[in-house]
Amino acid sequence: MNTVKRARLKDAVAHLKNLHEIMEEIRDEEQNDFDALSEGLKVAPNGLEMEEAIDVLDPIVNNLEEAIDELSIFLGLDDDDDPSA
């Protein structure tokens, strides 16, 4: 792979990391809000909607993390490397 394509992939990793951070924060906030609900509210429509959102976001967060890890290994990036460099 040439250096231009590698640079584009490094840029993509930076974008994926940003997206992962956003999605993880939203998922975690929703989980914390759901956990704070009483048992009765957890089974109410809003509680069920929150639970569904968590169930949707969780695998997305995991898949983004896996994509970042795979690309980072391929590109030889460390966890502390700035992929935009």
N, C-alpha and C. Protein backbone atom coordinates (compact mmCIF):
# COMPACT_ATOMS: atom_id res chain seq x y z
N MET A 1 0.85 -1.17 0.00
CA MET A 1 0.00 0.00 0.00
C MET A 1 0.90 1.23 0.00
N ASN A 2 0.57 2.20 -0.84
CA ASN A 2 1.42 3.38 -0.93
C ASN A 2 1.16 4.35 0.23
N THR A 3 2.03 5.33 0.35
CA THR A 3 1.97 6.25 1.50
C THR A 3 0.71 7.11 1.49
N VAL A 4 0.20 7.43 0.32
CA VAL A 4 -1.03 8.24 0.25
C VAL A 4 -2.21 7.45 0.82
N LYS A 5 -2.31 6.21 0.45
CA LYS A 5 -3.40 5.37 0.96
C LYS A 5 -3.24 5.13 2.46
N ARG A 6 -2.01 4.92 2.91
CA ARG A 6 -1.77 4.74 4.35
C ARG A 6 -2.17 5.99 5.12
N ALA A 7 -1.85 7.15 4.57
CA ALA A 7 -2.22 8.41 5.22
C ALA A 7 -3.74 8.55 5.29
N ARG A 8 -4.42 8.14 4.24
CA ARG A 8 -5.89 8.20 4.25
C ARG A 8 -6.46 7.26 5.31
N LEU A 9 -5.86 6.07 5.44
CA LEU A 9 -6.31 5.13 6.46
C LEU A 9 -6.05 5.66 7.86
N LYS A 10 -4.90 6.30 8.07
CA LYS A 10 -4.61 6.90 9.37
C LYS A 10 -5.64 7.98 9.70
N ASP A 11 -6.01 8.76 8.69
CA ASP A 11 -7.04 9.78 8.88
C ASP A 11 -8.38 9.12 9.24
N ALA A 12 -8.69 8.02 8.57
CA ALA A 12 -9.93 7.29 8.85
C ALA A 12 -9.93 6.77 10.29
N VAL A 13 -8.78 6.29 10.76
CA VAL A 13 -8.68 5.81 12.15
C VAL A 13 -8.98 6.95 13.12
N ALA A 14 -8.46 8.13 12.83
CA ALA A 14 -8.72 9.29 13.69
C ALA A 14 -10.22 9.59 13.75
N HIS A 15 -10.88 9.53 12.60
CA HIS A 15 -12.32 9.77 12.55
C HIS A 15 -13.09 8.67 13.30
N LEU A 16 -12.66 7.43 13.13
CA LEU A 16 -13.30 6.32 13.84
C LEU A 16 -13.14 6.46 15.35
N LYS A 17 -11.96 6.89 15.78
CA LYS A 17 -11.74 7.09 17.22
C LYS A 17 -12.67 8.17 17.77
N ASN A 18 -12.84 9.24 17.02
CA ASN A 18 -13.74 10.31 17.44
C ASN A 18 -15.18 9.80 17.50
N LEU A 19 -15.60 9.09 16.47
CA LEU A 19 -16.95 8.52 16.44
C LEU A 19 -17.14 7.53 17.58
N HIS A 20 -16.15 6.69 17.84
CA HIS A 20 -16.23 5.72 18.92
C HIS A 20 -16.42 6.43 20.26
N GLU A 21 -15.66 7.49 20.48
CA GLU A 21 -15.76 8.24 21.73
C GLU A 21 -17.16 8.82 21.92
N ILE A 22 -17.71 9.38 20.87
CA ILE A 22 -19.06 9.96 20.93
C ILE A 22 -20.09 8.88 21.23
N MET A 23 -20.04 7.79 20.47
CA MET A 23 -21.02 6.71 20.63
C MET A 23 -20.92 6.07 22.02
N GLU A 24 -19.69 5.89 22.50
CA GLU A 24 -19.48 5.30 23.82
C GLU A 24 -20.02 6.20 24.92
N GLU A 25 -19.79 7.50 24.80
CA GLU A 25 -20.31 8.45 25.79
C GLU A 25 -21.84 8.42 25.82
N ILE A 26 -22.46 8.42 24.66
CA ILE A 26 -23.93 8.39 24.59
C ILE A 26 -24.46 7.11 25.19
N ARG A 27 -23.84 5.98 24.82
CA ARG A 27 -24.27 4.69 25.36
C ARG A 27 -24.13 4.65 26.88
N ASP A 28 -22.99 5.13 27.38
CA ASP A 28 -22.74 5.11 28.82
C ASP A 28 -23.71 6.04 29.57
N GLU A 29 -23.98 7.21 29.00
CA GLU A 29 -24.93 8.13 29.62
C GLU A 29 -26.32 7.51 29.67
N GLU A 30 -26.71 6.87 28.57
CA GLU A 30 -28.03 6.23 28.52
C GLU A 30 -28.11 5.09 29.52
N GLN A 31 -27.02 4.31 29.64
CA GLN A 31 -26.98 3.21 30.60
C GLN A 31 -27.09 3.72 32.02
N ASN A 32 -26.36 4.80 32.33
CA ASN A 32 -26.43 5.38 33.67
C ASN A 32 -27.82 5.91 33.98
N ASP A 33 -28.43 6.56 33.01
CA ASP A 33 -29.80 7.07 33.20
C ASP A 33 -30.78 5.91 33.41
N PHE A 34 -30.61 4.86 32.62
CA PHE A 34 -31.49 3.69 32.75
C PHE A 34 -31.30 3.03 34.12
N ASP A 35 -30.05 2.89 34.53
CA ASP A 35 -29.77 2.25 35.82
C ASP A 35 -30.35 3.05 36.99
N ALA A 36 -30.50 4.35 36.82
CA ALA A 36 -31.03 5.20 37.88
C ALA A 36 -32.55 5.13 37.99
N LEU A 37 -33.20 4.54 37.00
CA LEU A 37 -34.66 4.43 37.03
C LEU A 37 -35.11 3.39 38.05
N SER A 38 -36.30 3.62 38.58
CA SER A 38 -36.90 2.60 39.44
C SER A 38 -37.30 1.41 38.56
N GLU A 39 -37.52 0.27 39.20
CA GLU A 39 -37.89 -0.93 38.44
C GLU A 39 -39.17 -0.70 37.64
N GLY A 40 -40.10 0.03 38.22
CA GLY A 40 -41.36 0.30 37.53
C GLY A 40 -41.16 1.13 36.27
N LEU A 41 -40.27 2.11 36.33
CA LEU A 41 -40.02 2.95 35.17
C LEU A 41 -39.19 2.24 34.10
N LYS A 42 -38.42 1.25 34.51
CA LYS A 42 -37.62 0.52 33.53
C LYS A 42 -38.49 -0.25 32.55
N VAL A 43 -39.69 -0.66 33.00
CA VAL A 43 -40.58 -1.41 32.12
C VAL A 43 -41.65 -0.53 31.48
N ALA A 44 -41.61 0.77 31.78
CA ALA A 44 -42.51 1.73 31.14
C ALA A 44 -41.97 2.01 29.74
N PRO A 45 -42.80 2.59 28.86
CA PRO A 45 -42.35 2.83 27.48
C PRO A 45 -41.02 3.58 27.36
N ASN A 46 -40.81 4.62 28.14
CA ASN A 46 -39.54 5.35 28.06
C ASN A 46 -38.36 4.49 28.50
N GLY A 47 -38.55 3.70 29.54
CA GLY A 47 -37.50 2.81 30.01
C GLY A 47 -37.16 1.75 28.98
N LEU A 48 -38.19 1.20 28.35
CA LEU A 48 -37.96 0.19 27.32
C LEU A 48 -37.24 0.79 26.11
N GLU A 49 -37.58 2.03 25.78
CA GLU A 49 -36.90 2.71 24.68
C GLU A 49 -35.42 2.96 25.01
N MET A 50 -35.16 3.32 26.25
CA MET A 50 -33.78 3.52 26.68
C MET A 50 -33.00 2.21 26.58
N GLU A 51 -33.62 1.14 27.03
CA GLU A 51 -32.97 -0.17 26.99
C GLU A 51 -32.68 -0.60 25.55
N GLU A 52 -33.63 -0.31 24.65
CA GLU A 52 -33.43 -0.63 23.24
C GLU A 52 -32.26 0.18 22.66
N ALA A 53 -32.18 1.46 23.02
CA ALA A 53 -31.08 2.30 22.54
C ALA A 53 -29.74 1.74 23.00
N ILE A 54 -29.68 1.31 24.24
CA ILE A 54 -28.44 0.72 24.78
C ILE A 54 -28.10 -0.56 24.01
N ASP A 55 -29.11 -1.38 23.76
CA ASP A 55 -28.89 -2.63 23.03
C ASP A 55 -28.42 -2.39 21.60
N VAL A 56 -28.84 -1.29 20.99
CA VAL A 56 -28.40 -0.95 19.64
C VAL A 56 -26.99 -0.37 19.66
N LEU A 57 -26.73 0.51 20.62
CA LEU A 57 -25.44 1.20 20.67
C LEU A 57 -24.29 0.29 21.10
N ASP A 58 -24.56 -0.66 21.96
CA ASP A 58 -23.49 -1.50 22.51
C ASP A 58 -22.69 -2.23 21.42
N PRO A 59 -23.33 -2.96 20.51
CA PRO A 59 -22.53 -3.63 19.48
C PRO A 59 -21.86 -2.64 18.51
N ILE A 60 -22.46 -1.49 18.30
CA ILE A 60 -21.84 -0.48 17.43
C ILE A 60 -20.54 -0.01 18.05
N VAL A 61 -20.57 0.28 19.35
CA VAL A 61 -19.36 0.71 20.06
C VAL A 61 -18.30 -0.38 19.97
N ASN A 62 -18.69 -1.62 20.19
CA ASN A 62 -17.74 -2.74 20.13
C ASN A 62 -17.17 -2.92 18.73
N ASN A 63 -18.01 -2.79 17.70
CA ASN A 63 -17.55 -2.95 16.32
C ASN A 63 -16.60 -1.82 15.92
N LEU A 64 -16.87 -0.61 16.36
CA LEU A 64 -15.96 0.51 16.08
C LEU A 64 -14.61 0.27 16.74
N GLU A 65 -14.63 -0.20 17.98
CA GLU A 65 -13.38 -0.49 18.69
C GLU A 65 -12.59 -1.57 17.96
N GLU A 66 -13.27 -2.58 17.50
CA GLU A 66 -12.61 -3.66 16.77
C GLU A 66 -12.01 -3.15 15.47
N ALA A 67 -12.73 -2.31 14.75
CA ALA A 67 -12.22 -1.74 13.49
C ALA A 67 -10.98 -0.88 13.75
N ILE A 68 -11.03 -0.08 14.80
CA ILE A 68 -9.89 0.77 15.17
C ILE A 68 -8.68 -0.11 15.50
N ASP A 69 -8.90 -1.14 16.29
CA ASP A 69 -7.81 -2.04 16.68
C ASP A 69 -7.19 -2.72 15.46
N GLU A 70 -8.04 -3.25 14.57
CA GLU A 70 -7.54 -3.96 13.39
C GLU A 70 -6.75 -3.02 12.48
N LEU A 71 -7.27 -1.83 12.24
CA LEU A 71 -6.57 -0.88 11.39
C LEU A 71 -5.27 -0.41 12.04
N SER A 72 -5.30 -0.21 13.34
CA SER A 72 -4.11 0.23 14.06
C SER A 72 -3.01 -0.82 13.98
N ILE A 73 -3.37 -2.08 14.12
CA ILE A 73 -2.39 -3.17 13.99
C ILE A 73 -1.84 -3.18 12.57
N PHE A 74 -2.71 -3.09 11.60
CA PHE A 74 -2.29 -3.10 10.20
C PHE A 74 -1.33 -1.95 9.89
N LEU A 75 -1.63 -0.77 10.43
CA LEU A 75 -0.83 0.42 10.16
C LEU A 75 0.37 0.56 11.10
N GLY A 76 0.46 -0.33 12.09
CA GLY A 76 1.55 -0.27 13.04
C GLY A 76 1.45 0.89 14.01
N LEU A 77 0.21 1.29 14.32
CA LEU A 77 -0.02 2.40 15.26
C LEU A 77 -0.08 1.86 16.68
N ASP A 78 0.47 2.62 17.61
CA ASP A 78 0.30 2.32 19.04
C ASP A 78 -0.96 3.00 19.51
N ASP A 79 -1.43 2.61 20.70
CA ASP A 79 -2.61 3.24 21.27
C ASP A 79 -2.43 4.73 21.46
N ASP A 80 -1.19 5.16 21.73
CA ASP A 80 -0.91 6.57 21.99
C ASP A 80 -0.60 7.35 20.73
N ASP A 81 -0.43 6.63 19.60
CA ASP A 81 -0.12 7.32 18.35
C ASP A 81 -1.29 8.18 17.91
N ASP A 82 -0.97 9.35 17.39
CA ASP A 82 -1.99 10.21 16.79
C ASP A 82 -2.06 9.81 15.32
N PRO A 83 -3.15 9.16 14.90
CA PRO A 83 -3.22 8.67 13.53
C PRO A 83 -3.24 9.78 12.50
N SER A 84 -3.49 11.02 12.91
CA SER A 84 -3.50 12.12 11.95
C SER A 84 -2.10 12.65 11.69
N ALA A 85 -1.11 12.12 12.44
CA ALA A 85 0.27 12.61 12.26
C ALA A 85 0.91 11.98 11.05
